[in-house]
């Protein structure tokens, strides 16, 4: 896996290379720069990897579920996601930084926004082509505003946003 120096050139795209396997790759052109793997029998646990870091995502609870994010191998949460109504939610980091997760009904995209409501990252799910048999390939384009490209949480938000979309599938 290659580290991405400029996370928007070429464009970033999540896809599933093998339709029936719960493994996904983030591509920058022909390069794979991140992977997300869900446990085969349990979609509530996943591992995300980039060239520099790895995290685990674990959903807990039934009625009041949370998703715990940890550095791979760590025993303390790096952040916790509190799901809300219709897939929305709030991601709170241990240092107090928060991001809201929202759906843009006009554009069909999901995005993380900072405390001021400014978009930090958007994942635009591509609709499956008409006539394509089920199961179909899942793809999403990642859009990062130029001023956010070097943010320290961008790799994690990119992987975690994709995980949230996959959970809704």
C-alpha atoms as a PDB file:
ATOM      1  CA  UNK A   1       0.000   0.000   0.000  1.00  0.00           C
ATOM      2  CA  UNK A   2       1.317   3.410  -0.911  1.00  0.00           C
ATOM      3  CA  UNK A   3       1.116   6.580   1.183  1.00  0.00           C
ATOM      4  CA  UNK A   4      -0.765   9.361  -0.568  1.00  0.00           C
ATOM      5  CA  UNK A   5       1.003  12.728  -0.516  1.00  0.00           C
ATOM      6  CA  UNK A   6      -1.795  14.731  -2.142  1.00  0.00           C
ATOM      7  CA  UNK A   7      -5.078  13.054  -1.182  1.00  0.00           C
ATOM      8  CA  UNK A   8      -7.121  14.536  -4.021  1.00  0.00           C
ATOM      9  CA  UNK A   9      -4.909  14.184  -7.077  1.00  0.00           C
ATOM     10  CA  UNK A  10      -5.714  11.882  -8.724  1.00  0.00           C
ATOM     11  CA  UNK A  11      -9.268  11.525  -7.477  1.00  0.00           C
ATOM     12  CA  UNK A  12     -10.007   9.111  -4.652  1.00  0.00           C
ATOM     13  CA  UNK A  13     -12.498   6.286  -5.008  1.00  0.00           C
ATOM     14  CA  UNK A  14     -13.607   3.511  -2.658  1.00  0.00           C
ATOM     15  CA  UNK A  15     -14.545   0.265  -4.357  1.00  0.00           C
ATOM     16  CA  UNK A  16     -14.992  -3.407  -3.659  1.00  0.00           C
ATOM     17  CA  UNK A  17     -12.585  -5.394  -5.846  1.00  0.00           C
ATOM     18  CA  UNK A  18     -14.455  -8.659  -5.209  1.00  0.00           C
ATOM     19  CA  UNK A  19     -18.194  -8.204  -4.920  1.00  0.00           C
ATOM     20  CA  UNK A  20     -18.961 -11.009  -2.493  1.00  0.00           C
ATOM     21  CA  UNK A  21     -16.074 -10.350  -0.095  1.00  0.00           C
ATOM     22  CA  UNK A  22     -16.285  -7.693   2.655  1.00  0.00           C
ATOM     23  CA  UNK A  23     -13.013  -6.057   1.598  1.00  0.00           C
ATOM     24  CA  UNK A  24     -12.761  -2.586   0.133  1.00  0.00           C
ATOM     25  CA  UNK A  25      -9.941  -0.493  -1.318  1.00  0.00           C
ATOM     26  CA  UNK A  26      -9.396   3.244  -1.601  1.00  0.00           C
ATOM     27  CA  UNK A  27      -7.816   4.005  -4.955  1.00  0.00           C
ATOM     28  CA  UNK A  28      -5.927   7.096  -6.081  1.00  0.00           C
ATOM     29  CA  UNK A  29      -5.743   6.357  -9.772  1.00  0.00           C
ATOM     30  CA  UNK A  30      -4.104   2.916 -10.047  1.00  0.00           C
ATOM     31  CA  UNK A  31      -2.636   2.989  -6.527  1.00  0.00           C
ATOM     32  CA  UNK A  32      -4.312   1.394  -3.488  1.00  0.00           C
ATOM     33  CA  UNK A  33      -3.820   3.825  -0.591  1.00  0.00           C
ATOM     34  CA  UNK A  34      -6.163   2.323   2.040  1.00  0.00           C
ATOM     35  CA  UNK A  35      -8.105  -0.841   2.795  1.00  0.00           C
ATOM     36  CA  UNK A  36     -11.169  -1.586   4.873  1.00  0.00           C
ATOM     37  CA  UNK A  37     -11.887  -5.183   5.855  1.00  0.00           C
ATOM     38  CA  UNK A  38     -15.018  -6.300   7.696  1.00  0.00           C
ATOM     39  CA  UNK A  39     -15.050  -9.520   9.665  1.00  0.00           C
ATOM     40  CA  UNK A  40     -16.723 -12.074   7.350  1.00  0.00           C
ATOM     41  CA  UNK A  41     -19.504 -13.184   9.684  1.00  0.00           C
ATOM     42  CA  UNK A  42     -19.831 -10.017  11.721  1.00  0.00           C
ATOM     43  CA  UNK A  43     -20.202  -6.682   9.958  1.00  0.00           C
ATOM     44  CA  UNK A  44     -19.909  -4.855  13.284  1.00  0.00           C
ATOM     45  CA  UNK A  45     -16.098  -5.147  13.415  1.00  0.00           C
ATOM     46  CA  UNK A  46     -13.710  -3.785  10.793  1.00  0.00           C
ATOM     47  CA  UNK A  47     -10.056  -2.959  10.298  1.00  0.00           C
ATOM     48  CA  UNK A  48      -8.899   0.029   8.258  1.00  0.00           C
ATOM     49  CA  UNK A  49      -5.318   0.363   7.057  1.00  0.00           C
ATOM     50  CA  UNK A  50      -3.283   3.047   5.333  1.00  0.00           C
ATOM     51  CA  UNK A  51       0.471   3.038   4.675  1.00  0.00           C
ATOM     52  CA  UNK A  52       1.073   4.820   8.006  1.00  0.00           C
ATOM     53  CA  UNK A  53      -1.688   3.728  10.394  1.00  0.00           C
ATOM     54  CA  UNK A  54      -4.300   1.101  11.200  1.00  0.00           C
ATOM     55  CA  UNK A  55      -7.557   1.376  13.133  1.00  0.00           C
ATOM     56  CA  UNK A  56     -10.349  -0.881  14.285  1.00  0.00           C
ATOM     57  CA  UNK A  57     -14.051   0.002  14.217  1.00  0.00           C
ATOM     58  CA  UNK A  58     -16.318  -1.932  16.576  1.00  0.00           C
ATOM     59  CA  UNK A  59     -20.059  -1.451  16.916  1.00  0.00           C
ATOM     60  CA  UNK A  60     -21.427  -2.237  20.376  1.00  0.00           C
ATOM     61  CA  UNK A  61     -24.892  -2.270  21.886  1.00  0.00           C
ATOM     62  CA  UNK A  62     -28.259  -2.949  20.319  1.00  0.00           C
ATOM     63  CA  UNK A  63     -30.733  -0.164  21.064  1.00  0.00           C
ATOM     64  CA  UNK A  64     -28.162   2.438  22.067  1.00  0.00           C
ATOM     65  CA  UNK A  65     -25.320   1.364  19.814  1.00  0.00           C
ATOM     66  CA  UNK A  66     -21.958   3.096  19.628  1.00  0.00           C
ATOM     67  CA  UNK A  67     -19.015   2.572  17.320  1.00  0.00           C
ATOM     68  CA  UNK A  68     -15.621   2.588  19.008  1.00  0.00           C
ATOM     69  CA  UNK A  69     -12.552   3.585  17.009  1.00  0.00           C
ATOM     70  CA  UNK A  70      -9.117   2.541  18.208  1.00  0.00           C
ATOM     71  CA  UNK A  71      -5.616   2.490  16.875  1.00  0.00           C
ATOM     72  CA  UNK A  72      -5.060  -1.164  15.962  1.00  0.00           C
ATOM     73  CA  UNK A  73      -3.798  -2.994  19.053  1.00  0.00           C
ATOM     74  CA  UNK A  74      -4.723  -0.176  21.471  1.00  0.00           C
ATOM     75  CA  UNK A  75      -6.988  -0.647  24.471  1.00  0.00           C
ATOM     76  CA  UNK A  76      -8.270   2.945  24.631  1.00  0.00           C
ATOM     77  CA  UNK A  77     -10.762   4.557  22.253  1.00  0.00           C
ATOM     78  CA  UNK A  78      -9.390   7.172  19.889  1.00  0.00           C
ATOM     79  CA  UNK A  79     -12.966   8.257  19.125  1.00  0.00           C
ATOM     80  CA  UNK A  80     -16.574   7.147  19.562  1.00  0.00           C
ATOM     81  CA  UNK A  81     -19.386   7.529  17.041  1.00  0.00           C
ATOM     82  CA  UNK A  82     -22.872   8.162  18.429  1.00  0.00           C
ATOM     83  CA  UNK A  83     -25.411   7.187  15.749  1.00  0.00           C
ATOM     84  CA  UNK A  84     -28.464   9.362  15.383  1.00  0.00           C
ATOM     85  CA  UNK A  85     -31.671   9.433  13.392  1.00  0.00           C
ATOM     86  CA  UNK A  86     -31.619   8.180   9.768  1.00  0.00           C
ATOM     87  CA  UNK A  87     -27.940   7.246   9.787  1.00  0.00           C
ATOM     88  CA  UNK A  88     -26.705  10.621  11.004  1.00  0.00           C
ATOM     89  CA  UNK A  89     -24.438  10.861  14.000  1.00  0.00           C
ATOM     90  CA  UNK A  90     -21.620  12.563  15.855  1.00  0.00           C
ATOM     91  CA  UNK A  91     -18.010  11.393  15.973  1.00  0.00           C
ATOM     92  CA  UNK A  92     -16.252  12.546  19.147  1.00  0.00           C
ATOM     93  CA  UNK A  93     -12.488  12.200  19.523  1.00  0.00           C
ATOM     94  CA  UNK A  94     -10.816  11.664  22.898  1.00  0.00           C
ATOM     95  CA  UNK A  95      -9.316  15.178  22.644  1.00  0.00           C
ATOM     96  CA  UNK A  96     -12.830  16.680  22.349  1.00  0.00           C
ATOM     97  CA  UNK A  97     -12.822  17.346  18.596  1.00  0.00           C
ATOM     98  CA  UNK A  98     -16.188  16.478  17.017  1.00  0.00           C
ATOM     99  CA  UNK A  99     -17.512  15.891  13.525  1.00  0.00           C
ATOM    100  CA  UNK A 100     -21.131  15.445  12.480  1.00  0.00           C
ATOM    101  CA  UNK A 101     -22.051  12.814   9.875  1.00  0.00           C
ATOM    102  CA  UNK A 102     -24.907  13.876   7.588  1.00  0.00           C
ATOM    103  CA  UNK A 103     -26.664  12.925   4.398  1.00  0.00           C
ATOM    104  CA  UNK A 104     -27.151  15.473   1.632  1.00  0.00           C
ATOM    105  CA  UNK A 105     -30.484  14.440   0.140  1.00  0.00           C
ATOM    106  CA  UNK A 106     -30.051  16.651  -2.940  1.00  0.00           C
ATOM    107  CA  UNK A 107     -26.677  15.210  -3.944  1.00  0.00           C
ATOM    108  CA  UNK A 108     -27.069  11.730  -2.490  1.00  0.00           C
ATOM    109  CA  UNK A 109     -23.773  12.117  -0.619  1.00  0.00           C
ATOM    110  CA  UNK A 110     -22.676  11.678   2.981  1.00  0.00           C
ATOM    111  CA  UNK A 111     -20.278  14.083   4.643  1.00  0.00           C
ATOM    112  CA  UNK A 112     -18.378  14.820   7.817  1.00  0.00           C
ATOM    113  CA  UNK A 113     -18.694  18.407   9.018  1.00  0.00           C
ATOM    114  CA  UNK A 114     -16.728  20.233  11.691  1.00  0.00           C
ATOM    115  CA  UNK A 115     -18.217  22.107  14.666  1.00  0.00           C
ATOM    116  CA  UNK A 116     -18.858  25.138  12.462  1.00  0.00           C
ATOM    117  CA  UNK A 117     -20.836  23.044   9.970  1.00  0.00           C
ATOM    118  CA  UNK A 118     -18.133  23.262   7.294  1.00  0.00           C
ATOM    119  CA  UNK A 119     -17.686  20.181   5.094  1.00  0.00           C
ATOM    120  CA  UNK A 120     -14.468  18.323   5.877  1.00  0.00           C
ATOM    121  CA  UNK A 121     -14.991  15.327   3.606  1.00  0.00           C
ATOM    122  CA  UNK A 122     -17.750  13.998   1.335  1.00  0.00           C
ATOM    123  CA  UNK A 123     -18.372  10.471   0.075  1.00  0.00           C
ATOM    124  CA  UNK A 124     -20.586  10.355  -2.999  1.00  0.00           C
ATOM    125  CA  UNK A 125     -21.997   6.864  -3.504  1.00  0.00           C
ATOM    126  CA  UNK A 126     -22.309   5.930  -7.168  1.00  0.00           C
ATOM    127  CA  UNK A 127     -25.640   4.347  -8.096  1.00  0.00           C
ATOM    128  CA  UNK A 128     -25.411   0.882  -9.578  1.00  0.00           C
ATOM    129  CA  UNK A 129     -25.954   0.780 -13.335  1.00  0.00           C
ATOM    130  CA  UNK A 130     -29.442  -0.226 -14.408  1.00  0.00           C
ATOM    131  CA  UNK A 131     -29.692  -3.865 -15.346  1.00  0.00           C
ATOM    132  CA  UNK A 132     -26.667  -4.830 -13.253  1.00  0.00           C
ATOM    133  CA  UNK A 133     -27.454  -8.032 -11.339  1.00  0.00           C
ATOM    134  CA  UNK A 134     -27.395  -8.105  -7.563  1.00  0.00           C
ATOM    135  CA  UNK A 135     -25.018  -8.043  -5.804  1.00  0.00           C
ATOM    136  CA  UNK A 136     -23.507  -5.090  -7.597  1.00  0.00           C
ATOM    137  CA  UNK A 137     -20.172  -3.377  -7.148  1.00  0.00           C
ATOM    138  CA  UNK A 138     -20.151  -0.646  -4.542  1.00  0.00           C
ATOM    139  CA  UNK A 139     -18.229   2.535  -5.323  1.00  0.00           C
ATOM    140  CA  UNK A 140     -17.928   5.995  -3.855  1.00  0.00           C
ATOM    141  CA  UNK A 141     -15.992   9.070  -4.860  1.00  0.00           C
ATOM    142  CA  UNK A 142     -14.215  10.912  -2.048  1.00  0.00           C
ATOM    143  CA  UNK A 143     -14.231  14.712  -2.178  1.00  0.00           C
ATOM    144  CA  UNK A 144     -12.001  16.748   0.140  1.00  0.00           C
ATOM    145  CA  UNK A 145     -12.027  20.565   0.030  1.00  0.00           C
ATOM    146  CA  UNK A 146      -8.536  21.888  -0.835  1.00  0.00           C
ATOM    147  CA  UNK A 147      -8.083  23.573   2.550  1.00  0.00           C
ATOM    148  CA  UNK A 148      -8.795  20.266   4.355  1.00  0.00           C
ATOM    149  CA  UNK A 149      -6.497  17.980   2.356  1.00  0.00           C
ATOM    150  CA  UNK A 150      -3.720  17.857   4.924  1.00  0.00           C
ATOM    151  CA  UNK A 151      -5.888  17.580   8.043  1.00  0.00           C
ATOM    152  CA  UNK A 152      -4.576  14.994  10.513  1.00  0.00           C
ATOM    153  CA  UNK A 153      -7.894  13.122  10.713  1.00  0.00           C
ATOM    154  CA  UNK A 154      -8.603  12.959   6.967  1.00  0.00           C
ATOM    155  CA  UNK A 155      -7.340   9.359   6.469  1.00  0.00           C
ATOM    156  CA  UNK A 156      -9.381   8.135   9.442  1.00  0.00           C
ATOM    157  CA  UNK A 157     -12.500  10.087   8.417  1.00  0.00           C
ATOM    158  CA  UNK A 158     -12.205   8.729   4.873  1.00  0.00           C
ATOM    159  CA  UNK A 159     -12.072   5.126   6.094  1.00  0.00           C
ATOM    160  CA  UNK A 160     -14.682   5.552   8.820  1.00  0.00           C
ATOM    161  CA  UNK A 161     -17.131   7.335   6.516  1.00  0.00           C
ATOM    162  CA  UNK A 162     -16.867   4.429   4.084  1.00  0.00           C
ATOM    163  CA  UNK A 163     -17.447   1.978   6.952  1.00  0.00           C
ATOM    164  CA  UNK A 164     -20.652   3.848   7.872  1.00  0.00           C
ATOM    165  CA  UNK A 165     -21.875   3.693   4.289  1.00  0.00           C
ATOM    166  CA  UNK A 166     -21.088  -0.028   4.041  1.00  0.00           C
ATOM    167  CA  UNK A 167     -23.005  -0.690   7.277  1.00  0.00           C
ATOM    168  CA  UNK A 168     -26.105   0.921   5.730  1.00  0.00           C
ATOM    169  CA  UNK A 169     -25.916  -1.252   2.601  1.00  0.00           C
END
